[in-house]
C-alpha atoms as a PDB file:
ATOM      1  CA  MET A   1      17.958 -16.327  34.130  1.00  0.00           C
ATOM      2  CA  ASP A   2      15.444 -14.279  36.139  1.00  0.00           C
ATOM      3  CA  GLN A   3      12.587 -12.223  34.743  1.00  0.00           C
ATOM      4  CA  GLU A   4      14.449  -8.900  34.979  1.00  0.00           C
ATOM      5  CA  HIS A   5      17.347 -10.143  32.823  1.00  0.00           C
ATOM      6  CA  VAL A   6      14.901 -11.500  30.258  1.00  0.00           C
ATOM      7  CA  LYS A   7      13.164  -8.118  30.026  1.00  0.00           C
ATOM      8  CA  LYS A   8      16.526  -6.345  29.640  1.00  0.00           C
ATOM      9  CA  TRP A   9      17.552  -8.625  26.779  1.00  0.00           C
ATOM     10  CA  GLU A  10      14.146  -8.145  25.162  1.00  0.00           C
ATOM     11  CA  LYS A  11      14.660  -4.380  25.263  1.00  0.00           C
ATOM     12  CA  VAL A  12      18.169  -4.748  23.825  1.00  0.00           C
ATOM     13  CA  TRP A  13      16.929  -6.883  20.950  1.00  0.00           C
ATOM     14  CA  PHE A  14      14.047  -4.502  20.357  1.00  0.00           C
ATOM     15  CA  TRP A  15      16.337  -1.489  20.006  1.00  0.00           C
ATOM     16  CA  CYS A  16      18.784  -3.467  17.861  1.00  0.00           C
ATOM     17  CA  ILE A  17      15.956  -4.295  15.454  1.00  0.00           C
ATOM     18  CA  ILE A  18      14.762  -0.658  15.435  1.00  0.00           C
ATOM     19  CA  ILE A  19      18.290   0.580  14.675  1.00  0.00           C
ATOM     20  CA  PHE A  20      18.758  -2.076  11.988  1.00  0.00           C
ATOM     21  CA  PHE A  21      15.598  -0.981  10.157  1.00  0.00           C
ATOM     22  CA  TYR A  22      15.679   2.786  10.650  1.00  0.00           C
ATOM     23  CA  LEU A  23      19.376   3.693  10.691  1.00  0.00           C
ATOM     24  CA  PRO A  24      19.725   3.326   6.867  1.00  0.00           C
ATOM     25  CA  ILE A  25      16.660   5.558   6.401  1.00  0.00           C
ATOM     26  CA  ALA A  26      18.101   8.172   8.765  1.00  0.00           C
ATOM     27  CA  TYR A  27      21.431   7.940   6.896  1.00  0.00           C
ATOM     28  CA  VAL A  28      19.737   8.638   3.544  1.00  0.00           C
ATOM     29  CA  VAL A  29      17.738  11.540   4.985  1.00  0.00           C
ATOM     30  CA  PHE A  30      20.839  13.060   6.608  1.00  0.00           C
ATOM     31  CA  PHE A  31      22.979  12.977   3.450  1.00  0.00           C
ATOM     32  CA  SER A  32      20.148  14.307   1.279  1.00  0.00           C
ATOM     33  CA  PHE A  33      21.032  17.694   2.812  1.00  0.00           C
ATOM     34  CA  ASN A  34      24.758  17.353   2.106  1.00  0.00           C
ATOM     35  CA  ARG A  35      26.335  20.125   0.072  1.00  0.00           C
ATOM     36  CA  SER A  36      28.647  17.784  -1.839  1.00  0.00           C
ATOM     37  CA  LYS A  37      28.077  14.499  -3.651  1.00  0.00           C
ATOM     38  CA  SER A  38      29.820  12.548  -0.917  1.00  0.00           C
ATOM     39  CA  LEU A  39      27.800   9.870   0.831  1.00  0.00           C
ATOM     40  CA  THR A  40      30.346   9.439   3.635  1.00  0.00           C
ATOM     41  CA  LYS A  41      31.465  12.976   4.555  1.00  0.00           C
ATOM     42  CA  PHE A  42      29.039  15.764   5.450  1.00  0.00           C
ATOM     43  CA  THR A  43      30.445  19.043   4.114  1.00  0.00           C
ATOM     44  CA  GLY A  44      27.576  21.361   4.995  1.00  0.00           C
ATOM     45  CA  PHE A  45      23.825  21.857   4.902  1.00  0.00           C
ATOM     46  CA  SER A  46      22.289  22.501   1.475  1.00  0.00           C
ATOM     47  CA  LEU A  47      19.024  22.039  -0.445  1.00  0.00           C
ATOM     48  CA  ARG A  48      20.733  21.838  -3.836  1.00  0.00           C
ATOM     49  CA  TRP A  49      19.782  18.188  -4.404  1.00  0.00           C
ATOM     50  CA  TYR A  50      16.123  18.947  -3.775  1.00  0.00           C
ATOM     51  CA  GLU A  51      16.307  21.810  -6.266  1.00  0.00           C
ATOM     52  CA  LYS A  52      17.938  19.526  -8.830  1.00  0.00           C
ATOM     53  CA  MET A  53      15.354  16.830  -8.188  1.00  0.00           C
ATOM     54  CA  PHE A  54      12.413  19.168  -8.851  1.00  0.00           C
ATOM     55  CA  ALA A  55      14.213  20.533 -11.926  1.00  0.00           C
ATOM     56  CA  ASN A  56      14.827  17.034 -13.312  1.00  0.00           C
ATOM     57  CA  ARG A  57      12.054  16.221 -15.782  1.00  0.00           C
ATOM     58  CA  THR A  58      12.785  12.474 -15.731  1.00  0.00           C
ATOM     59  CA  ILE A  59      12.319  12.289 -11.954  1.00  0.00           C
ATOM     60  CA  MET A  60       9.112  14.329 -12.086  1.00  0.00           C
ATOM     61  CA  GLU A  61       7.724  12.013 -14.774  1.00  0.00           C
ATOM     62  CA  ALA A  62       8.676   8.959 -12.700  1.00  0.00           C
ATOM     63  CA  ILE A  63       6.893  10.437  -9.668  1.00  0.00           C
ATOM     64  CA  TRP A  64       3.820  11.231 -11.783  1.00  0.00           C
ATOM     65  CA  TYR A  65       3.640   7.732 -13.273  1.00  0.00           C
ATOM     66  CA  THR A  66       4.141   6.141  -9.851  1.00  0.00           C
ATOM     67  CA  ILE A  67       1.440   8.155  -8.076  1.00  0.00           C
ATOM     68  CA  ALA A  68      -1.045   7.943 -10.960  1.00  0.00           C
ATOM     69  CA  CYS A  69      -0.567   4.177 -11.308  1.00  0.00           C
ATOM     70  CA  ALA A  70      -0.826   3.617  -7.534  1.00  0.00           C
ATOM     71  CA  LEU A  71      -4.003   5.710  -7.195  1.00  0.00           C
ATOM     72  CA  ILE A  72      -5.755   4.061 -10.146  1.00  0.00           C
ATOM     73  CA  ALA A  73      -4.706   0.568  -9.075  1.00  0.00           C
ATOM     74  CA  THR A  74      -5.799   1.247  -5.492  1.00  0.00           C
ATOM     75  CA  ALA A  75      -9.211   2.627  -6.479  1.00  0.00           C
ATOM     76  CA  VAL A  76     -10.047  -0.165  -8.937  1.00  0.00           C
ATOM     77  CA  SER A  77      -8.616  -3.034  -6.872  1.00  0.00           C
ATOM     78  CA  THR A  78     -10.378  -1.799  -3.709  1.00  0.00           C
ATOM     79  CA  LEU A  79     -13.721  -1.610  -5.517  1.00  0.00           C
ATOM     80  CA  VAL A  80     -13.355  -4.973  -7.271  1.00  0.00           C
ATOM     81  CA  GLY A  81     -11.819  -6.705  -4.260  1.00  0.00           C
ATOM     82  CA  THR A  82     -14.517  -5.486  -1.866  1.00  0.00           C
ATOM     83  CA  ILE A  83     -17.370  -6.499  -4.167  1.00  0.00           C
ATOM     84  CA  THR A  84     -15.724  -9.880  -4.757  1.00  0.00           C
ATOM     85  CA  ALA A  85     -15.239 -10.476  -1.029  1.00  0.00           C
ATOM     86  CA  ILE A  86     -18.890  -9.601  -0.301  1.00  0.00           C
ATOM     87  CA  GLY A  87     -20.025 -11.925  -3.075  1.00  0.00           C
ATOM     88  CA  LEU A  88     -17.818 -14.736  -1.772  1.00  0.00           C
ATOM     89  CA  SER A  89     -19.231 -14.321   1.747  1.00  0.00           C
ATOM     90  CA  LYS A  90     -22.687 -15.131   0.345  1.00  0.00           C
ATOM     91  CA  SER A  91     -21.498 -18.052  -1.806  1.00  0.00           C
ATOM     92  CA  ARG A  92     -21.443 -21.739  -1.029  1.00  0.00           C
ATOM     93  CA  LYS A  93     -18.600 -22.949   1.173  1.00  0.00           C
ATOM     94  CA  THR A  94     -17.035 -25.165  -1.524  1.00  0.00           C
ATOM     95  CA  LEU A  95     -17.002 -22.372  -4.105  1.00  0.00           C
ATOM     96  CA  ARG A  96     -15.734 -19.834  -1.567  1.00  0.00           C
ATOM     97  CA  GLU A  97     -12.846 -22.020  -0.439  1.00  0.00           C
ATOM     98  CA  ALA A  98     -11.868 -22.819  -4.040  1.00  0.00           C
ATOM     99  CA  ILE A  99     -11.786 -19.149  -5.035  1.00  0.00           C
ATOM    100  CA  GLU A 100      -9.873 -18.231  -1.871  1.00  0.00           C
ATOM    101  CA  GLN A 101      -7.203 -20.779  -2.786  1.00  0.00           C
ATOM    102  CA  VAL A 102      -6.965 -19.305  -6.287  1.00  0.00           C
ATOM    103  CA  ASN A 103      -6.835 -15.819  -4.765  1.00  0.00           C
ATOM    104  CA  ASN A 104      -3.794 -16.798  -2.696  1.00  0.00           C
ATOM    105  CA  LEU A 105      -1.766 -17.939  -5.722  1.00  0.00           C
ATOM    106  CA  PRO A 106      -0.604 -14.462  -6.870  1.00  0.00           C
ATOM    107  CA  MET A 107       0.647 -13.722  -3.349  1.00  0.00           C
ATOM    108  CA  LEU A 108       2.498 -17.041  -3.102  1.00  0.00           C
ATOM    109  CA  ASN A 109       4.078 -16.778  -6.548  1.00  0.00           C
ATOM    110  CA  PRO A 110       7.479 -15.047  -6.805  1.00  0.00           C
ATOM    111  CA  ASP A 111       7.198 -11.583  -8.377  1.00  0.00           C
ATOM    112  CA  ILE A 112       9.401 -12.630 -11.278  1.00  0.00           C
ATOM    113  CA  VAL A 113       6.983 -15.432 -12.215  1.00  0.00           C
ATOM    114  CA  THR A 114       3.998 -13.074 -12.086  1.00  0.00           C
ATOM    115  CA  ALA A 115       5.894 -10.436 -14.064  1.00  0.00           C
ATOM    116  CA  ILE A 116       6.884 -12.865 -16.832  1.00  0.00           C
ATOM    117  CA  GLY A 117       3.313 -14.153 -16.944  1.00  0.00           C
ATOM    118  CA  PHE A 118       1.932 -10.636 -17.464  1.00  0.00           C
ATOM    119  CA  MET A 119       4.586  -9.886 -20.084  1.00  0.00           C
ATOM    120  CA  LEU A 120       3.804 -13.043 -22.067  1.00  0.00           C
ATOM    121  CA  PHE A 121       0.075 -12.348 -21.760  1.00  0.00           C
ATOM    122  CA  PHE A 122       0.363  -8.835 -23.196  1.00  0.00           C
ATOM    123  CA  THR A 123       2.806 -10.013 -25.872  1.00  0.00           C
ATOM    124  CA  SER A 124       0.547 -12.875 -26.988  1.00  0.00           C
ATOM    125  CA  LEU A 125      -2.341 -10.425 -27.372  1.00  0.00           C
ATOM    126  CA  ARG A 126      -0.040  -8.007 -29.230  1.00  0.00           C
ATOM    127  CA  ILE A 127      -0.761  -5.251 -26.736  1.00  0.00           C
ATOM    128  CA  LYS A 128       1.839  -2.501 -26.748  1.00  0.00           C
ATOM    129  CA  THR A 129       3.347  -2.209 -23.297  1.00  0.00           C
ATOM    130  CA  GLY A 130       3.255   1.133 -21.552  1.00  0.00           C
ATOM    131  CA  PHE A 131       1.436   2.934 -18.780  1.00  0.00           C
ATOM    132  CA  THR A 132      -1.880   1.142 -19.427  1.00  0.00           C
ATOM    133  CA  THR A 133      -0.388  -2.342 -19.234  1.00  0.00           C
ATOM    134  CA  MET A 134       1.510  -1.427 -16.067  1.00  0.00           C
ATOM    135  CA  VAL A 135      -1.706  -0.194 -14.432  1.00  0.00           C
ATOM    136  CA  LEU A 136      -3.592  -3.343 -15.468  1.00  0.00           C
ATOM    137  CA  ALA A 137      -0.849  -5.524 -14.000  1.00  0.00           C
ATOM    138  CA  HIS A 138      -0.877  -3.546 -10.753  1.00  0.00           C
ATOM    139  CA  ILE A 139      -4.661  -3.850 -10.480  1.00  0.00           C
ATOM    140  CA  ALA A 140      -4.439  -7.599 -11.007  1.00  0.00           C
ATOM    141  CA  PHE A 141      -1.867  -8.246  -8.280  1.00  0.00           C
ATOM    142  CA  CYS A 142      -3.454  -5.775  -5.812  1.00  0.00           C
ATOM    143  CA  ILE A 143      -6.953  -7.303  -5.869  1.00  0.00           C
ATOM    144  CA  PRO A 144      -5.975 -10.449  -3.871  1.00  0.00           C
ATOM    145  CA  TYR A 145      -4.576  -8.290  -1.061  1.00  0.00           C
ATOM    146  CA  VAL A 146      -7.835  -6.328  -0.825  1.00  0.00           C
ATOM    147  CA  ILE A 147      -9.887  -9.532  -0.722  1.00  0.00           C
ATOM    148  CA  LEU A 148      -7.602 -10.935   1.964  1.00  0.00           C
ATOM    149  CA  SER A 149      -8.075  -7.778   4.063  1.00  0.00           C
ATOM    150  CA  VAL A 150     -11.862  -7.583   3.692  1.00  0.00           C
ATOM    151  CA  MET A 151     -12.755 -11.263   4.182  1.00  0.00           C
ATOM    152  CA  PRO A 152     -11.897 -11.445   7.937  1.00  0.00           C
ATOM    153  CA  LYS A 153     -14.200  -8.477   8.609  1.00  0.00           C
ATOM    154  CA  LEU A 154     -17.007 -10.159   6.681  1.00  0.00           C
ATOM    155  CA  ARG A 155     -16.579 -13.338   8.735  1.00  0.00           C
ATOM    156  CA  THR A 156     -17.176 -11.367  11.941  1.00  0.00           C
ATOM    157  CA  LEU A 157     -20.257  -9.653  10.482  1.00  0.00           C
ATOM    158  CA  ASP A 158     -23.690 -10.887  11.562  1.00  0.00           C
ATOM    159  CA  PRO A 159     -25.174 -12.516   8.401  1.00  0.00           C
ATOM    160  CA  ASN A 160     -28.688 -11.496   9.453  1.00  0.00           C
ATOM    161  CA  MET A 161     -27.985  -7.751   9.522  1.00  0.00           C
ATOM    162  CA  ALA A 162     -28.522  -7.199   5.802  1.00  0.00           C
ATOM    163  CA  GLU A 163     -31.718  -9.268   5.841  1.00  0.00           C
ATOM    164  CA  ALA A 164     -32.986  -7.327   8.863  1.00  0.00           C
ATOM    165  CA  ALA A 165     -32.293  -4.035   7.062  1.00  0.00           C
ATOM    166  CA  MET A 166     -34.248  -5.206   4.000  1.00  0.00           C
ATOM    167  CA  ASP A 167     -37.113  -6.357   6.236  1.00  0.00           C
ATOM    168  CA  LEU A 168     -37.217  -2.804   7.603  1.00  0.00           C
ATOM    169  CA  GLY A 169     -37.580  -1.339   4.125  1.00  0.00           C
ATOM    170  CA  CYS A 170     -34.049  -1.035   2.713  1.00  0.00           C
ATOM    171  CA  THR A 171     -33.341  -2.033  -0.848  1.00  0.00           C
ATOM    172  CA  PRO A 172     -30.399  -4.436  -1.427  1.00  0.00           C
ATOM    173  CA  MET A 173     -28.190  -1.499  -2.472  1.00  0.00           C
ATOM    174  CA  GLN A 174     -29.164   0.507   0.603  1.00  0.00           C
ATOM    175  CA  ALA A 175     -28.442  -2.495   2.815  1.00  0.00           C
ATOM    176  CA  LEU A 176     -25.045  -2.828   1.131  1.00  0.00           C
ATOM    177  CA  PHE A 177     -23.994   0.808   1.528  1.00  0.00           C
ATOM    178  CA  LYS A 178     -25.680   1.590   4.856  1.00  0.00           C
ATOM    179  CA  VAL A 179     -25.223  -1.686   6.737  1.00  0.00           C
ATOM    180  CA  ILE A 180     -22.521  -3.944   5.298  1.00  0.00           C
ATOM    181  CA  ILE A 181     -19.887  -1.468   4.067  1.00  0.00           C
ATOM    182  CA  PRO A 182     -19.829   0.651   7.278  1.00  0.00           C
ATOM    183  CA  GLN A 183     -19.246  -2.538   9.271  1.00  0.00           C
ATOM    184  CA  ILE A 184     -16.326  -3.693   7.110  1.00  0.00           C
ATOM    185  CA  LYS A 185     -14.855  -0.218   6.542  1.00  0.00           C
ATOM    186  CA  PRO A 186     -11.643  -0.927   8.549  1.00  0.00           C
ATOM    187  CA  GLY A 187     -10.927  -3.936   6.325  1.00  0.00           C
ATOM    188  CA  ILE A 188     -11.563  -1.885   3.182  1.00  0.00           C
ATOM    189  CA  VAL A 189      -9.246   0.908   4.372  1.00  0.00           C
ATOM    190  CA  SER A 190      -6.465  -1.512   5.321  1.00  0.00           C
ATOM    191  CA  GLY A 191      -6.845  -3.302   1.972  1.00  0.00           C
ATOM    192  CA  ALA A 192      -6.621   0.015   0.120  1.00  0.00           C
ATOM    193  CA  LEU A 193      -3.477   0.982   2.057  1.00  0.00           C
ATOM    194  CA  VAL A 194      -1.839  -2.361   1.315  1.00  0.00           C
ATOM    195  CA  ALA A 195      -2.780  -2.064  -2.375  1.00  0.00           C
ATOM    196  CA  PHE A 196      -1.354   1.467  -2.576  1.00  0.00           C
ATOM    197  CA  SER A 197       1.915   0.506  -0.891  1.00  0.00           C
ATOM    198  CA  MET A 198       2.303  -2.622  -3.043  1.00  0.00           C
ATOM    199  CA  SER A 199       1.726  -0.629  -6.225  1.00  0.00           C
ATOM    200  CA  PHE A 200       3.821   2.360  -5.151  1.00  0.00           C
ATOM    201  CA  ASP A 201       7.039   0.438  -4.469  1.00  0.00           C
ATOM    202  CA  ASP A 202       6.663  -2.367  -7.030  1.00  0.00           C
ATOM    203  CA  PHE A 203       9.690  -2.889  -9.253  1.00  0.00           C
ATOM    204  CA  VAL A 204       9.798  -6.339 -10.854  1.00  0.00           C
ATOM    205  CA  ILE A 205       6.276  -6.434 -12.295  1.00  0.00           C
ATOM    206  CA  SER A 206       6.514  -2.791 -13.385  1.00  0.00           C
ATOM    207  CA  LEU A 207       9.803  -3.444 -15.184  1.00  0.00           C
ATOM    208  CA  PHE A 208       8.334  -6.310 -17.232  1.00  0.00           C
ATOM    209  CA  THR A 209       5.003  -4.659 -18.071  1.00  0.00           C
ATOM    210  CA  THR A 210       5.992  -1.068 -18.833  1.00  0.00           C
ATOM    211  CA  GLY A 211       7.186   0.342 -22.139  1.00  0.00           C
ATOM    212  CA  PRO A 212       9.817   2.806 -23.384  1.00  0.00           C
ATOM    213  CA  GLY A 213       9.609   6.216 -21.736  1.00  0.00           C
ATOM    214  CA  VAL A 214       7.326   5.049 -18.917  1.00  0.00           C
ATOM    215  CA  ASN A 215       9.273   4.551 -15.694  1.00  0.00           C
ATOM    216  CA  ASN A 216       8.115   4.624 -12.096  1.00  0.00           C
ATOM    217  CA  ILE A 217      10.283   5.596  -9.134  1.00  0.00           C
ATOM    218  CA  SER A 218      11.559   2.055  -8.545  1.00  0.00           C
ATOM    219  CA  ILE A 219      12.746   1.674 -12.127  1.00  0.00           C
ATOM    220  CA  TYR A 220      14.369   5.117 -12.107  1.00  0.00           C
ATOM    221  CA  VAL A 221      16.233   4.373  -8.855  1.00  0.00           C
ATOM    222  CA  TYR A 222      17.397   1.014 -10.218  1.00  0.00           C
ATOM    223  CA  ALA A 223      18.729   2.682 -13.370  1.00  0.00           C
ATOM    224  CA  ASN A 224      20.743   5.217 -11.329  1.00  0.00           C
ATOM    225  CA  VAL A 225      21.749   3.168  -8.301  1.00  0.00           C
ATOM    226  CA  LYS A 226      25.209   2.233  -9.628  1.00  0.00           C
ATOM    227  CA  ARG A 227      26.392   5.835  -9.926  1.00  0.00           C
ATOM    228  CA  VAL A 228      26.535   8.525  -7.263  1.00  0.00           C
ATOM    229  CA  ASN A 229      23.326  10.516  -7.601  1.00  0.00           C
ATOM    230  CA  PRO A 230      22.379  12.451  -4.436  1.00  0.00           C
ATOM    231  CA  THR A 231      19.032  13.436  -5.963  1.00  0.00           C
ATOM    232  CA  ILE A 232      17.920   9.878  -5.173  1.00  0.00           C
ATOM    233  CA  ASN A 233      18.532  10.648  -1.495  1.00  0.00           C
ATOM    234  CA  ALA A 234      16.318  13.720  -1.798  1.00  0.00           C
ATOM    235  CA  LEU A 235      13.639  11.706  -3.585  1.00  0.00           C
ATOM    236  CA  SER A 236      13.788   8.970  -0.931  1.00  0.00           C
ATOM    237  CA  THR A 237      13.498  11.546   1.859  1.00  0.00           C
ATOM    238  CA  ILE A 238      10.355  13.045   0.345  1.00  0.00           C
ATOM    239  CA  ILE A 239       8.828   9.583  -0.045  1.00  0.00           C
ATOM    240  CA  VAL A 240       9.619   8.752   3.596  1.00  0.00           C
ATOM    241  CA  LEU A 241       8.053  12.060   4.682  1.00  0.00           C
ATOM    242  CA  ILE A 242       4.874  11.482   2.650  1.00  0.00           C
ATOM    243  CA  VAL A 243       4.490   7.891   3.867  1.00  0.00           C
ATOM    244  CA  THR A 244       5.008   8.992   7.482  1.00  0.00           C
ATOM    245  CA  ILE A 245       2.374  11.723   7.170  1.00  0.00           C
ATOM    246  CA  VAL A 246      -0.119   9.312   5.577  1.00  0.00           C
ATOM    247  CA  LEU A 247       0.440   6.711   8.298  1.00  0.00           C
ATOM    248  CA  LEU A 248       0.007   9.323  11.023  1.00  0.00           C
ATOM    249  CA  VAL A 249      -3.216  10.604   9.467  1.00  0.00           C
ATOM    250  CA  VAL A 250      -4.599   7.097   8.965  1.00  0.00           C
ATOM    251  CA  ASN A 251      -3.858   6.125  12.562  1.00  0.00           C
ATOM    252  CA  ILE A 252      -4.591   9.398  14.380  1.00  0.00           C
ATOM    253  CA  VAL A 253      -7.838  10.450  12.660  1.00  0.00           C
ATOM    254  CA  PRO A 254      -9.776   7.216  13.456  1.00  0.00           C
ATOM    255  CA  ALA A 255      -8.395   7.268  17.015  1.00  0.00           C
ATOM    256  CA  ARG A 256      -9.611  10.838  17.529  1.00  0.00           C
ATOM    257  CA  ARG A 257     -13.017   9.967  16.093  1.00  0.00           C
ATOM    258  CA  GLU A 258     -13.284   6.955  18.379  1.00  0.00           C
ATOM    259  CA  LYS A 259     -12.290   9.109  21.365  1.00  0.00           C
ATOM    260  CA  LYS A 260     -14.937  11.720  20.508  1.00  0.00           C
ATOM    261  CA  ARG A 261     -17.525   8.985  20.049  1.00  0.00           C
ATOM    262  CA  ARG A 262     -16.716   7.494  23.451  1.00  0.00           C
ATOM    263  CA  GLU A 263     -16.837  10.910  25.096  1.00  0.00           C
ATOM    264  CA  LYS A 264     -20.180  11.607  23.439  1.00  0.00           C
ATOM    265  CA  TYR A 265     -21.684   8.302  24.566  1.00  0.00           C
ATOM    266  CA  GLY A 266     -20.162   8.762  28.008  1.00  0.00           C
ATOM    267  CA  MET A 267     -21.827  12.153  28.386  1.00  0.00           C
ATOM    268  CA  ALA A 268     -25.128  10.714  27.134  1.00  0.00           C
ATOM    269  CA  GLU A 269     -24.984   7.922  29.728  1.00  0.00           C
ATOM    270  CA  GLU A 270     -24.293  10.430  32.498  1.00  0.00           C
ATOM    271  CA  VAL A 271     -27.322  12.464  31.445  1.00  0.00           C
END
C-alpha cells in the first residue's frame, strides 16, 4: 500500500473517531430544542425544555451544588497540590519517589474502591454525610492530579533560579511568587482544569459521600435517566456550551498573549 492510500485511510479513521465521539453530543443538542418529548422524531423548534429546566428547583439545586463543589475543590486542591509539588521538588530523591508512588494510588484505584473508602472513613468518624463530606472527598481525589500536572514543569525549572533571586535580595516568599510560580504557571492552570473537570462530572464518589437532599448533576441525571425527561437534554446542552466556551478562552487567551509578546519583542529587535 502506497503512502497516498495510507493517508486516505488515516483521514477516514480520523473522521470515524470524530463522528463516534461527537455525534451523540450533537444528537442531544438537536433534540433539546424539540417541541415534543420524543427523542427520535423532531416535531418543531421550541425552548420549552429550557424554560422547564430553569423552573425546576431540583435541577437548579443540583447545578448549584455541582458548581460550588467543583470551584471549592479546584481552589483548595490546586493550592495544596502546587505547594506539595514544590516541596517535593526540594526533597530528597528517595522521599520524593516514595510520595509520588503514594500519590499515584488514588488515580490507579477504581472509583468504587475510593468511594467506599471515603464512605467508611466518614461513617467510622460518625460524620454526617452531605455537601461538606462530598467537597472533602473531591478535594482529596483532585490533589493527585494537580501534583501530577505541576511536577513535570518543576523538573524543567532551573533549580538555581530561586537561589539567584534570593541572592539578589528576594525573600523566600518573593522568590516563590515572582520566580517559581510564574515559571510553572502552565502546569498549575492545567492541573486546575483537570481538577475542575474531574470534580464537575464525578458520579461514583459523589454518590457514596453525599447525603439526603444534596445531589450534583451526575446524580440527578442518573436518577432520571430511565424515564423520558427532555430537560436533561437541555441541561446537557448548556453544560456542553459552557465547557466549550471555557476551553476556547483557556486556549485562545494565552495564544493571543504569546502572539502579542512575540510581536512586541520582534518590534524591539527591529528597533
